[in-house]
Amino acid sequence: MTTQANERAFLAAIRVGEGTSAGNGYSILFGGATFGSFDDHPALLGWRGGSLSAAMCAGAGFGPGCVSTAAGAFQINKPTWLRVGGKLGLSDFSPASQDAAALELIREKGALGDVRAGRVDVAVTKVSKVWASLPGAEYGQGEVKLAAFVKNYANAGGNVA
C-alpha cells in the first residue's frame, strides 16, 4: 500500500461525507447546483454563494443570513481557496488543483503523516474543523460517524493502521 493510495482514500472518504463523491463532485456548489468552468473558484467567477440556515450560520460563528461559497469536491470556500491556492501557486480550480488544496489543508493541520501511515482516526480528529461533515466538526451540519468514515476510507483502498 503506497502513501499515495492512503491519500487518495482519505480524500475519497471526505468527498463521501461532503456529498461530492458522484461523478460530477468536483463541480458541485454548496446547495447542490453545479458549475461549468474550472478556470477558477466559482466565487471568483461571479457566483455569490448559497444561503445557510440560521443554525448553520451560528455553527460557523456567523449571524443569520450568511452564505457559503463552498465549492468543488472538498467544498472549499473562497477565502480558503485564495489563501491555499495562492500558497501552492494553483492556476485553476481543476480536480487536480482541488486535490492539491485539500492535501495542503490536511498538511496544515499536521495530519498528512497520519493519513499516509493509515492512522485515520488521528487524522480525522486533526482535520475535523476543516470539513463540516467530519466527526467533531460541530458546524451544525450532518456529521459522518468515525466508523462510517473509516469504512469509506477502506472501501476506497486505504490501509488502516
N, C-alpha and C. Protein backbone atom coordinates (compact mmCIF):
# COMPACT_ATOMS: atom_id res chain seq x y z
N MET A 1 0.86 -1.19 0.00
CA MET A 1 0.00 0.00 0.00
C MET A 1 0.89 1.24 0.00
N THR A 2 0.72 2.09 -0.97
CA THR A 2 1.52 3.31 -1.03
C THR A 2 0.86 4.41 -0.21
N THR A 3 1.67 5.38 0.19
CA THR A 3 1.10 6.51 0.91
C THR A 3 0.14 7.28 0.02
N GLN A 4 0.43 7.29 -1.30
CA GLN A 4 -0.48 7.98 -2.22
C GLN A 4 -1.85 7.32 -2.23
N ALA A 5 -1.90 6.00 -2.11
CA ALA A 5 -3.19 5.31 -2.06
C ALA A 5 -3.95 5.73 -0.81
N ASN A 6 -3.25 5.87 0.31
CA ASN A 6 -3.91 6.32 1.54
C ASN A 6 -4.40 7.76 1.40
N GLU A 7 -3.62 8.60 0.74
CA GLU A 7 -4.05 9.98 0.50
C GLU A 7 -5.32 9.99 -0.35
N ARG A 8 -5.31 9.23 -1.45
CA ARG A 8 -6.49 9.18 -2.33
C ARG A 8 -7.71 8.66 -1.58
N ALA A 9 -7.50 7.64 -0.75
CA ALA A 9 -8.62 7.06 0.00
C ALA A 9 -9.17 8.05 1.02
N PHE A 10 -8.29 8.80 1.67
CA PHE A 10 -8.74 9.80 2.65
C PHE A 10 -9.53 10.89 1.96
N LEU A 11 -9.04 11.35 0.82
CA LEU A 11 -9.77 12.36 0.05
C LEU A 11 -11.12 11.81 -0.40
N ALA A 12 -11.15 10.56 -0.82
CA ALA A 12 -12.42 9.95 -1.25
C ALA A 12 -13.41 9.87 -0.10
N ALA A 13 -12.93 9.54 1.09
CA ALA A 13 -13.81 9.46 2.26
C ALA A 13 -14.35 10.84 2.64
N ILE A 14 -13.53 11.87 2.51
CA ILE A 14 -14.02 13.23 2.75
C ILE A 14 -15.12 13.55 1.76
N ARG A 15 -14.92 13.21 0.50
CA ARG A 15 -15.91 13.50 -0.54
C ARG A 15 -17.24 12.81 -0.25
N VAL A 16 -17.20 11.59 0.27
CA VAL A 16 -18.46 10.91 0.62
C VAL A 16 -19.19 11.74 1.67
N GLY A 17 -18.48 12.16 2.70
CA GLY A 17 -19.10 12.95 3.75
C GLY A 17 -19.62 14.29 3.27
N GLU A 18 -18.89 14.91 2.36
CA GLU A 18 -19.28 16.22 1.84
C GLU A 18 -20.37 16.12 0.78
N GLY A 19 -20.71 14.91 0.38
CA GLY A 19 -21.77 14.73 -0.62
C GLY A 19 -21.31 15.00 -2.03
N THR A 20 -20.01 14.84 -2.27
CA THR A 20 -19.45 15.16 -3.59
C THR A 20 -18.74 13.97 -4.22
N SER A 21 -19.14 12.76 -3.84
CA SER A 21 -18.45 11.57 -4.36
C SER A 21 -18.96 11.12 -5.72
N ALA A 22 -20.05 11.70 -6.20
CA ALA A 22 -20.57 11.34 -7.52
C ALA A 22 -19.62 11.83 -8.61
N GLY A 23 -19.87 11.41 -9.82
CA GLY A 23 -19.01 11.75 -10.94
C GLY A 23 -18.79 13.23 -11.16
N ASN A 24 -19.79 14.05 -10.82
CA ASN A 24 -19.65 15.50 -11.02
C ASN A 24 -19.23 16.22 -9.74
N GLY A 25 -18.71 15.49 -8.78
CA GLY A 25 -18.39 16.05 -7.47
C GLY A 25 -17.43 17.21 -7.48
N TYR A 26 -16.54 17.24 -8.44
CA TYR A 26 -15.58 18.35 -8.50
C TYR A 26 -16.23 19.64 -8.98
N SER A 27 -17.47 19.56 -9.44
CA SER A 27 -18.16 20.76 -9.93
C SER A 27 -19.42 21.07 -9.13
N ILE A 28 -19.48 20.62 -7.88
CA ILE A 28 -20.64 20.85 -7.02
C ILE A 28 -20.47 22.17 -6.25
N LEU A 29 -21.52 22.97 -6.25
CA LEU A 29 -21.58 24.18 -5.43
C LEU A 29 -22.31 23.85 -4.13
N PHE A 30 -22.04 24.61 -3.07
CA PHE A 30 -22.82 24.44 -1.85
C PHE A 30 -24.29 24.60 -2.21
N GLY A 31 -25.10 23.66 -1.78
CA GLY A 31 -26.52 23.67 -2.10
C GLY A 31 -26.90 22.67 -3.18
N GLY A 32 -25.89 22.13 -3.90
CA GLY A 32 -26.16 21.06 -4.84
C GLY A 32 -26.13 21.39 -6.31
N ALA A 33 -26.18 22.67 -6.67
CA ALA A 33 -26.06 23.03 -8.09
C ALA A 33 -24.63 22.75 -8.56
N THR A 34 -24.42 22.83 -9.85
CA THR A 34 -23.08 22.59 -10.39
C THR A 34 -22.58 23.82 -11.15
N PHE A 35 -21.27 23.89 -11.32
CA PHE A 35 -20.67 24.95 -12.12
C PHE A 35 -19.99 24.31 -13.33
N GLY A 36 -19.73 25.12 -14.34
CA GLY A 36 -19.23 24.58 -15.60
C GLY A 36 -17.80 24.90 -15.94
N SER A 37 -17.16 25.81 -15.23
CA SER A 37 -15.80 26.21 -15.58
C SER A 37 -14.85 25.93 -14.42
N PHE A 38 -13.74 25.29 -14.75
CA PHE A 38 -12.70 25.06 -13.76
C PHE A 38 -11.60 26.12 -13.85
N ASP A 39 -11.89 27.24 -14.52
CA ASP A 39 -10.89 28.29 -14.69
C ASP A 39 -10.41 28.87 -13.36
N ASP A 40 -11.33 28.96 -12.38
CA ASP A 40 -11.00 29.49 -11.06
C ASP A 40 -12.13 29.08 -10.12
N HIS A 41 -11.97 29.38 -8.84
CA HIS A 41 -13.03 29.11 -7.87
C HIS A 41 -14.29 29.83 -8.34
N PRO A 42 -15.45 29.17 -8.29
CA PRO A 42 -16.70 29.79 -8.78
C PRO A 42 -17.00 31.16 -8.17
N ALA A 43 -16.63 31.37 -6.90
CA ALA A 43 -16.88 32.67 -6.27
C ALA A 43 -15.99 33.76 -6.86
N LEU A 44 -14.93 33.39 -7.52
CA LEU A 44 -14.08 34.36 -8.20
C LEU A 44 -14.52 34.57 -9.64
N LEU A 45 -15.50 33.78 -10.06
CA LEU A 45 -16.06 33.90 -11.41
C LEU A 45 -17.49 34.44 -11.38
N GLY A 46 -17.92 34.97 -10.22
CA GLY A 46 -19.21 35.62 -10.14
C GLY A 46 -20.27 34.96 -9.28
N TRP A 47 -20.06 33.71 -8.85
CA TRP A 47 -21.06 33.05 -8.00
C TRP A 47 -21.04 33.69 -6.62
N ARG A 48 -22.21 34.04 -6.10
CA ARG A 48 -22.30 34.76 -4.83
C ARG A 48 -22.45 33.85 -3.61
N GLY A 49 -22.55 32.56 -3.81
CA GLY A 49 -22.66 31.63 -2.70
C GLY A 49 -24.08 31.20 -2.44
N GLY A 50 -24.21 30.19 -1.59
CA GLY A 50 -25.51 29.65 -1.22
C GLY A 50 -25.86 30.01 0.20
N SER A 51 -27.13 30.30 0.44
CA SER A 51 -27.59 30.69 1.78
C SER A 51 -27.53 29.52 2.74
N LEU A 52 -27.11 29.81 3.96
CA LEU A 52 -27.09 28.82 5.03
C LEU A 52 -28.26 29.08 5.97
N SER A 53 -28.70 28.03 6.64
CA SER A 53 -29.74 28.18 7.65
C SER A 53 -29.17 28.96 8.83
N ALA A 54 -30.04 29.50 9.66
CA ALA A 54 -29.59 30.25 10.84
C ALA A 54 -28.73 29.36 11.74
N ALA A 55 -29.12 28.09 11.89
CA ALA A 55 -28.35 27.17 12.73
C ALA A 55 -26.96 26.92 12.15
N MET A 56 -26.88 26.78 10.83
CA MET A 56 -25.58 26.57 10.21
C MET A 56 -24.71 27.82 10.33
N CYS A 57 -25.32 28.99 10.17
CA CYS A 57 -24.57 30.24 10.33
C CYS A 57 -24.01 30.32 11.75
N ALA A 58 -24.85 30.02 12.73
CA ALA A 58 -24.42 30.06 14.12
C ALA A 58 -23.30 29.06 14.37
N GLY A 59 -23.43 27.86 13.82
CA GLY A 59 -22.40 26.84 13.98
C GLY A 59 -21.07 27.24 13.40
N ALA A 60 -21.11 28.06 12.36
CA ALA A 60 -19.88 28.53 11.71
C ALA A 60 -19.38 29.83 12.34
N GLY A 61 -20.11 30.34 13.33
CA GLY A 61 -19.69 31.56 14.01
C GLY A 61 -20.15 32.84 13.35
N PHE A 62 -21.20 32.74 12.50
CA PHE A 62 -21.72 33.92 11.81
C PHE A 62 -23.15 34.19 12.24
N GLY A 63 -23.63 35.39 11.94
CA GLY A 63 -25.01 35.74 12.22
C GLY A 63 -25.94 35.20 11.14
N PRO A 64 -27.25 35.36 11.35
CA PRO A 64 -28.22 34.87 10.37
C PRO A 64 -28.05 35.57 9.02
N GLY A 65 -28.41 34.85 7.96
CA GLY A 65 -28.33 35.41 6.62
C GLY A 65 -26.98 35.24 5.95
N CYS A 66 -26.10 34.46 6.55
CA CYS A 66 -24.78 34.26 5.94
C CYS A 66 -24.88 33.34 4.73
N VAL A 67 -23.86 33.35 3.93
CA VAL A 67 -23.80 32.49 2.75
C VAL A 67 -22.51 31.68 2.79
N SER A 68 -22.52 30.59 2.06
CA SER A 68 -21.33 29.77 1.91
C SER A 68 -20.87 29.81 0.46
N THR A 69 -19.59 30.03 0.27
CA THR A 69 -19.02 29.96 -1.07
C THR A 69 -18.30 28.62 -1.27
N ALA A 70 -18.66 27.63 -0.46
CA ALA A 70 -18.04 26.31 -0.58
C ALA A 70 -18.34 25.71 -1.95
N ALA A 71 -17.31 25.18 -2.58
CA ALA A 71 -17.46 24.64 -3.93
C ALA A 71 -16.46 23.52 -4.15
N GLY A 72 -16.81 22.66 -5.10
CA GLY A 72 -15.91 21.60 -5.51
C GLY A 72 -16.01 20.36 -4.64
N ALA A 73 -15.14 19.42 -4.91
CA ALA A 73 -15.16 18.13 -4.25
C ALA A 73 -14.97 18.24 -2.75
N PHE A 74 -14.24 19.25 -2.30
CA PHE A 74 -13.94 19.39 -0.88
C PHE A 74 -14.62 20.61 -0.27
N GLN A 75 -15.57 21.16 -1.01
CA GLN A 75 -16.36 22.30 -0.55
C GLN A 75 -15.47 23.38 0.06
N ILE A 76 -14.48 23.79 -0.72
CA ILE A 76 -13.53 24.82 -0.30
C ILE A 76 -14.14 26.18 -0.56
N ASN A 77 -14.14 27.03 0.49
CA ASN A 77 -14.74 28.36 0.31
C ASN A 77 -13.73 29.34 -0.29
N LYS A 78 -14.25 30.48 -0.71
CA LYS A 78 -13.43 31.48 -1.41
C LYS A 78 -12.21 31.92 -0.61
N PRO A 79 -12.37 32.34 0.67
CA PRO A 79 -11.18 32.78 1.40
C PRO A 79 -10.12 31.68 1.53
N THR A 80 -10.56 30.46 1.78
CA THR A 80 -9.61 29.36 1.89
C THR A 80 -8.92 29.11 0.56
N TRP A 81 -9.69 29.16 -0.53
CA TRP A 81 -9.10 28.95 -1.85
C TRP A 81 -8.07 30.04 -2.17
N LEU A 82 -8.40 31.29 -1.88
CA LEU A 82 -7.45 32.38 -2.14
C LEU A 82 -6.15 32.15 -1.38
N ARG A 83 -6.26 31.74 -0.14
CA ARG A 83 -5.07 31.51 0.69
C ARG A 83 -4.27 30.29 0.22
N VAL A 84 -4.95 29.14 0.13
CA VAL A 84 -4.24 27.90 -0.19
C VAL A 84 -3.85 27.84 -1.66
N GLY A 85 -4.76 28.26 -2.54
CA GLY A 85 -4.43 28.27 -3.96
C GLY A 85 -3.25 29.18 -4.25
N GLY A 86 -3.23 30.34 -3.58
CA GLY A 86 -2.11 31.26 -3.75
C GLY A 86 -0.81 30.68 -3.20
N LYS A 87 -0.90 30.06 -2.04
CA LYS A 87 0.27 29.45 -1.40
C LYS A 87 0.89 28.39 -2.30
N LEU A 88 0.04 27.59 -2.95
CA LEU A 88 0.52 26.50 -3.80
C LEU A 88 0.75 26.92 -5.25
N GLY A 89 0.37 28.15 -5.60
CA GLY A 89 0.51 28.62 -6.97
C GLY A 89 -0.44 27.93 -7.94
N LEU A 90 -1.62 27.57 -7.47
CA LEU A 90 -2.59 26.87 -8.31
C LEU A 90 -3.21 27.87 -9.29
N SER A 91 -3.29 27.49 -10.55
CA SER A 91 -3.74 28.41 -11.59
C SER A 91 -5.18 28.17 -12.04
N ASP A 92 -5.82 27.16 -11.47
CA ASP A 92 -7.21 26.86 -11.85
C ASP A 92 -7.88 26.12 -10.70
N PHE A 93 -9.14 25.74 -10.90
CA PHE A 93 -9.92 25.02 -9.88
C PHE A 93 -10.21 23.60 -10.38
N SER A 94 -9.28 23.07 -11.15
CA SER A 94 -9.42 21.73 -11.73
C SER A 94 -9.45 20.67 -10.63
N PRO A 95 -9.89 19.47 -10.94
CA PRO A 95 -9.84 18.39 -9.95
C PRO A 95 -8.45 18.21 -9.33
N ALA A 96 -7.41 18.27 -10.14
CA ALA A 96 -6.05 18.12 -9.59
C ALA A 96 -5.72 19.24 -8.61
N SER A 97 -6.14 20.46 -8.93
CA SER A 97 -5.89 21.59 -8.03
C SER A 97 -6.71 21.46 -6.75
N GLN A 98 -7.95 21.01 -6.87
CA GLN A 98 -8.77 20.79 -5.68
C GLN A 98 -8.15 19.73 -4.77
N ASP A 99 -7.66 18.65 -5.36
CA ASP A 99 -7.00 17.61 -4.57
C ASP A 99 -5.76 18.17 -3.87
N ALA A 100 -4.96 18.94 -4.60
CA ALA A 100 -3.75 19.53 -4.02
C ALA A 100 -4.10 20.46 -2.86
N ALA A 101 -5.15 21.25 -3.02
CA ALA A 101 -5.56 22.16 -1.95
C ALA A 101 -6.04 21.38 -0.73
N ALA A 102 -6.80 20.32 -0.95
CA ALA A 102 -7.29 19.51 0.17
C ALA A 102 -6.12 18.87 0.91
N LEU A 103 -5.15 18.35 0.19
CA LEU A 103 -3.97 17.76 0.84
C LEU A 103 -3.18 18.81 1.61
N GLU A 104 -3.13 20.03 1.08
CA GLU A 104 -2.44 21.10 1.81
C GLU A 104 -3.18 21.45 3.10
N LEU A 105 -4.50 21.47 3.06
CA LEU A 105 -5.28 21.73 4.28
C LEU A 105 -5.02 20.64 5.31
N ILE A 106 -4.91 19.41 4.86
CA ILE A 106 -4.59 18.29 5.76
C ILE A 106 -3.18 18.47 6.32
N ARG A 107 -2.24 18.84 5.46
CA ARG A 107 -0.86 19.06 5.91
C ARG A 107 -0.79 20.19 6.94
N GLU A 108 -1.52 21.28 6.68
CA GLU A 108 -1.51 22.43 7.60
C GLU A 108 -1.98 22.05 9.00
N LYS A 109 -2.84 21.08 9.10
CA LYS A 109 -3.35 20.63 10.41
C LYS A 109 -2.46 19.56 11.03
N GLY A 110 -1.35 19.27 10.39
CA GLY A 110 -0.41 18.28 10.93
C GLY A 110 -0.89 16.85 10.79
N ALA A 111 -1.77 16.59 9.83
CA ALA A 111 -2.36 15.26 9.71
C ALA A 111 -1.89 14.48 8.49
N LEU A 112 -1.06 15.05 7.64
CA LEU A 112 -0.68 14.34 6.41
C LEU A 112 0.12 13.08 6.73
N GLY A 113 1.01 13.14 7.69
CA GLY A 113 1.75 11.95 8.10
C GLY A 113 0.84 10.86 8.62
N ASP A 114 -0.19 11.26 9.36
CA ASP A 114 -1.16 10.29 9.87
C ASP A 114 -1.93 9.65 8.73
N VAL A 115 -2.34 10.46 7.76
CA VAL A 115 -3.05 9.93 6.59
C VAL A 115 -2.16 8.92 5.88
N ARG A 116 -0.92 9.29 5.62
CA ARG A 116 0.00 8.41 4.90
C ARG A 116 0.26 7.10 5.64
N ALA A 117 0.26 7.18 6.98
CA ALA A 117 0.51 5.99 7.80
C ALA A 117 -0.75 5.18 8.07
N GLY A 118 -1.90 5.66 7.63
CA GLY A 118 -3.15 4.94 7.85
C GLY A 118 -3.76 5.16 9.22
N ARG A 119 -3.29 6.16 9.94
CA ARG A 119 -3.86 6.49 11.26
C ARG A 119 -5.09 7.39 11.04
N VAL A 120 -6.13 6.78 10.54
CA VAL A 120 -7.31 7.51 10.09
C VAL A 120 -7.98 8.26 11.23
N ASP A 121 -8.16 7.60 12.37
CA ASP A 121 -8.85 8.24 13.49
C ASP A 121 -8.09 9.47 13.98
N VAL A 122 -6.78 9.39 14.03
CA VAL A 122 -5.95 10.52 14.46
C VAL A 122 -6.06 11.65 13.44
N ALA A 123 -5.97 11.30 12.17
CA ALA A 123 -6.05 12.31 11.10
C ALA A 123 -7.40 13.01 11.11
N VAL A 124 -8.47 12.25 11.26
CA VAL A 124 -9.82 12.84 11.27
C VAL A 124 -9.95 13.83 12.42
N THR A 125 -9.45 13.47 13.58
CA THR A 125 -9.51 14.39 14.73
C THR A 125 -8.79 15.70 14.42
N LYS A 126 -7.65 15.61 13.77
CA LYS A 126 -6.86 16.81 13.47
C LYS A 126 -7.52 17.72 12.44
N VAL A 127 -8.26 17.14 11.49
CA VAL A 127 -8.85 17.95 10.41
C VAL A 127 -10.35 18.15 10.56
N SER A 128 -10.92 17.75 11.68
CA SER A 128 -12.38 17.78 11.83
C SER A 128 -12.98 19.17 11.67
N LYS A 129 -12.24 20.20 11.98
CA LYS A 129 -12.78 21.57 11.86
C LYS A 129 -12.63 22.12 10.43
N VAL A 130 -11.94 21.39 9.57
CA VAL A 130 -11.77 21.83 8.18
C VAL A 130 -13.00 21.49 7.35
N TRP A 131 -13.56 20.29 7.57
CA TRP A 131 -14.72 19.84 6.80
C TRP A 131 -15.90 19.61 7.72
N ALA A 132 -17.00 20.28 7.41
CA ALA A 132 -18.20 20.25 8.25
C ALA A 132 -18.79 18.86 8.43
N SER A 133 -18.51 17.96 7.51
CA SER A 133 -19.10 16.62 7.58
C SER A 133 -18.33 15.67 8.49
N LEU A 134 -17.15 16.05 8.94
CA LEU A 134 -16.33 15.13 9.72
C LEU A 134 -16.78 15.06 11.17
N PRO A 135 -16.54 13.92 11.81
CA PRO A 135 -16.90 13.78 13.22
C PRO A 135 -16.21 14.86 14.06
N GLY A 136 -16.97 15.52 14.90
CA GLY A 136 -16.42 16.55 15.77
C GLY A 136 -16.35 17.93 15.16
N ALA A 137 -16.85 18.10 13.94
CA ALA A 137 -16.78 19.41 13.28
C ALA A 137 -17.63 20.45 14.01
N GLU A 138 -18.81 20.04 14.43
CA GLU A 138 -19.71 20.90 15.21
C GLU A 138 -20.09 22.19 14.49
N TYR A 139 -20.38 22.10 13.19
CA TYR A 139 -20.82 23.26 12.43
C TYR A 139 -22.33 23.32 12.28
N GLY A 140 -23.04 22.39 12.89
CA GLY A 140 -24.49 22.39 12.76
C GLY A 140 -24.98 21.70 11.49
N GLN A 141 -24.08 21.03 10.81
CA GLN A 141 -24.45 20.25 9.63
C GLN A 141 -24.32 18.78 9.99
N GLY A 142 -24.79 17.91 9.13
CA GLY A 142 -24.68 16.48 9.39
C GLY A 142 -23.23 16.04 9.40
N GLU A 143 -22.87 15.26 10.40
CA GLU A 143 -21.52 14.72 10.51
C GLU A 143 -21.53 13.22 10.27
N VAL A 144 -20.54 12.75 9.55
CA VAL A 144 -20.35 11.32 9.34
C VAL A 144 -19.78 10.73 10.63
N LYS A 145 -20.23 9.57 11.02
CA LYS A 145 -19.65 8.88 12.18
C LYS A 145 -18.25 8.40 11.81
N LEU A 146 -17.37 8.33 12.80
CA LEU A 146 -16.00 7.90 12.54
C LEU A 146 -15.96 6.51 11.91
N ALA A 147 -16.77 5.59 12.39
CA ALA A 147 -16.78 4.23 11.83
C ALA A 147 -17.16 4.26 10.35
N ALA A 148 -18.11 5.11 9.98
CA ALA A 148 -18.51 5.22 8.58
C ALA A 148 -17.39 5.83 7.75
N PHE A 149 -16.70 6.83 8.30
CA PHE A 149 -15.58 7.45 7.58
C PHE A 149 -14.50 6.42 7.33
N VAL A 150 -14.15 5.65 8.36
CA VAL A 150 -13.11 4.63 8.22
C VAL A 150 -13.52 3.59 7.18
N LYS A 151 -14.79 3.20 7.18
CA LYS A 151 -15.28 2.24 6.20
C LYS A 151 -15.17 2.82 4.79
N ASN A 152 -15.56 4.08 4.62
CA ASN A 152 -15.44 4.73 3.30
C ASN A 152 -13.99 4.80 2.85
N TYR A 153 -13.10 5.08 3.79
CA TYR A 153 -11.66 5.13 3.52
C TYR A 153 -11.16 3.76 3.06
N ALA A 154 -11.51 2.73 3.80
CA ALA A 154 -11.08 1.37 3.44
C ALA A 154 -11.67 0.94 2.10
N ASN A 155 -12.94 1.28 1.88
CA ASN A 155 -13.58 0.94 0.60
C ASN A 155 -12.91 1.62 -0.58
N ALA A 156 -12.27 2.76 -0.32
CA ALA A 156 -11.57 3.49 -1.38
C ALA A 156 -10.13 3.02 -1.55
N GLY A 157 -9.76 1.96 -0.83
CA GLY A 157 -8.43 1.39 -0.98
C GLY A 157 -7.41 1.82 0.05
N GLY A 158 -7.87 2.51 1.10
CA GLY A 158 -6.96 2.95 2.14
C GLY A 158 -6.61 1.83 3.10
N ASN A 159 -5.40 1.88 3.63
CA ASN A 159 -4.92 0.91 4.61
C ASN A 159 -5.04 1.52 6.00
N VAL A 160 -5.80 0.88 6.88
CA VAL A 160 -5.98 1.37 8.25
C VAL A 160 -4.90 0.76 9.12
N ALA A 161 -4.16 1.62 9.82
CA ALA A 161 -3.08 1.15 10.70
C ALA A 161 -3.65 0.54 11.96
